[in-house]
Amino acid sequence: MTTRIDGNQGTPLPTQIDRVDTSKTPDRANRPAVAPAKTDRVEVSQDATFVNQAVQAVHETPALREDKITAAKKALADGTLGQDAGRLADALIDHMSDDTK
């Protein structure tokens, strides 16, 4: 049997395949092609842990605080909501400038 490519006669195919004596091959030929798999390890930084805890807290917090809504509705009905804009502004400024909160 011979091989032919684009009309070329080519060389005959071997009828028998010789086995390689592994005792005569270099050491690297006897090693597996792929190194044994190592286990993966992940280390999470303290910052990543903190962010994960913050995200979980946000997901666990209800979107609406019913107690605050009820108190605001009551203050609006009583006419006490928004009567002292200056006091509200002072409280907001104090809250925003307080570094301990």
Protein backbone atom coordinates (compact mmCIF):
# COMPACT_ATOMS: atom_id res chain seq x y z
CA MET A 1 0.00 0.00 0.00
CA THR A 2 1.29 3.51 -0.81
CA THR A 3 0.11 7.01 -0.06
CA ARG A 4 -0.81 9.47 -2.77
CA ILE A 5 -1.19 13.20 -2.45
CA ASP A 6 -1.92 15.32 -5.50
CA GLY A 7 -0.82 12.63 -7.91
CA ASN A 8 2.51 11.95 -6.17
CA GLN A 9 3.35 8.33 -5.64
CA GLY A 10 4.68 8.90 -2.09
CA THR A 11 6.31 6.35 0.11
CA PRO A 12 4.84 2.99 0.99
CA LEU A 13 3.07 2.73 4.36
CA PRO A 14 4.72 0.43 6.89
CA THR A 15 3.06 -2.93 7.28
CA GLN A 16 4.38 -3.41 10.80
CA ILE A 17 4.93 -0.93 13.63
CA ASP A 18 7.98 -1.51 15.79
CA ARG A 19 7.55 -1.12 19.53
CA VAL A 20 9.93 1.19 21.39
CA ASP A 21 11.97 -0.35 24.19
CA THR A 22 11.10 1.92 27.18
CA SER A 23 14.29 0.97 28.98
CA LYS A 24 16.23 2.84 26.28
CA THR A 25 14.06 5.99 26.19
CA PRO A 26 14.93 9.14 28.11
CA ASP A 27 13.40 9.60 31.56
CA ARG A 28 10.96 12.29 30.46
CA ALA A 29 9.34 9.87 28.01
CA ASN A 30 8.34 7.62 30.90
CA ARG A 31 6.72 10.41 32.92
CA PRO A 32 3.01 11.14 32.54
CA ALA A 33 2.19 13.92 30.09
CA VAL A 34 0.22 15.88 32.70
CA ALA A 35 1.38 16.54 36.24
CA PRO A 36 -0.89 15.18 38.96
CA ALA A 37 -3.66 17.59 39.84
CA LYS A 38 -3.21 19.71 42.94
CA THR A 39 -6.08 20.88 45.07
CA ASP A 40 -7.12 24.49 44.58
CA ARG A 41 -7.13 26.88 47.51
CA VAL A 42 -8.73 30.27 47.89
CA GLU A 43 -7.88 32.83 50.53
CA VAL A 44 -10.37 35.61 51.18
CA SER A 45 -9.07 38.91 52.50
CA GLN A 46 -10.57 40.65 55.52
CA ASP A 47 -11.88 43.40 53.22
CA ALA A 48 -13.69 40.86 51.04
CA THR A 49 -15.16 39.22 54.13
CA PHE A 50 -16.38 42.61 55.39
CA VAL A 51 -17.96 43.44 52.02
CA ASN A 52 -19.67 40.04 51.95
CA GLN A 53 -21.11 40.61 55.43
CA ALA A 54 -22.33 44.08 54.42
CA VAL A 55 -24.04 42.71 51.31
CA GLN A 56 -25.72 39.98 53.37
CA ALA A 57 -26.94 42.58 55.89
CA VAL A 58 -28.43 44.66 53.10
CA HIS A 59 -30.26 41.63 51.71
CA GLU A 60 -31.62 40.73 55.16
CA THR A 61 -32.86 44.25 55.93
CA PRO A 62 -36.46 44.87 54.87
CA ALA A 63 -36.91 47.40 52.08
CA LEU A 64 -39.55 49.30 54.09
CA ARG A 65 -39.39 50.05 57.79
CA GLU A 66 -43.01 49.84 58.79
CA ASP A 67 -42.36 51.40 62.21
CA LYS A 68 -40.94 54.57 60.62
CA ILE A 69 -43.78 54.75 58.08
CA THR A 70 -46.38 54.43 60.84
CA ALA A 71 -44.66 57.13 62.94
CA ALA A 72 -44.45 59.50 59.94
CA LYS A 73 -48.13 58.96 59.08
CA LYS A 74 -49.10 59.64 62.70
CA ALA A 75 -46.98 62.83 62.83
CA LEU A 76 -48.51 64.00 59.53
CA ALA A 77 -52.02 63.33 60.80
CA ASP A 78 -51.27 65.15 64.09
CA GLY A 79 -49.84 68.12 62.21
CA THR A 80 -46.44 67.82 63.90
CA LEU A 81 -44.50 66.71 60.84
CA GLY A 82 -42.37 69.47 59.28
CA GLN A 83 -43.31 72.26 61.70
CA ASP A 84 -39.74 73.16 62.62
CA ALA A 85 -37.58 73.15 59.50
CA GLY A 86 -34.67 74.84 61.31
CA ARG A 87 -34.54 72.11 63.95
CA LEU A 88 -34.66 69.45 61.24
CA ALA A 89 -31.80 71.13 59.34
CA ASP A 90 -29.70 71.33 62.53
CA ALA A 91 -30.34 67.66 63.30
CA LEU A 92 -29.31 66.66 59.74
CA ILE A 93 -26.13 68.74 59.92
CA ASP A 94 -25.25 67.31 63.33
CA HIS A 95 -25.86 63.79 62.11
CA MET A 96 -23.76 64.24 58.95
CA SER A 97 -20.83 65.86 60.82
CA ASP A 98 -20.77 63.27 63.62
CA ASP A 99 -17.90 60.87 62.84
CA THR A 100 -18.86 58.37 65.52
CA LYS A 101 -22.01 57.18 63.71
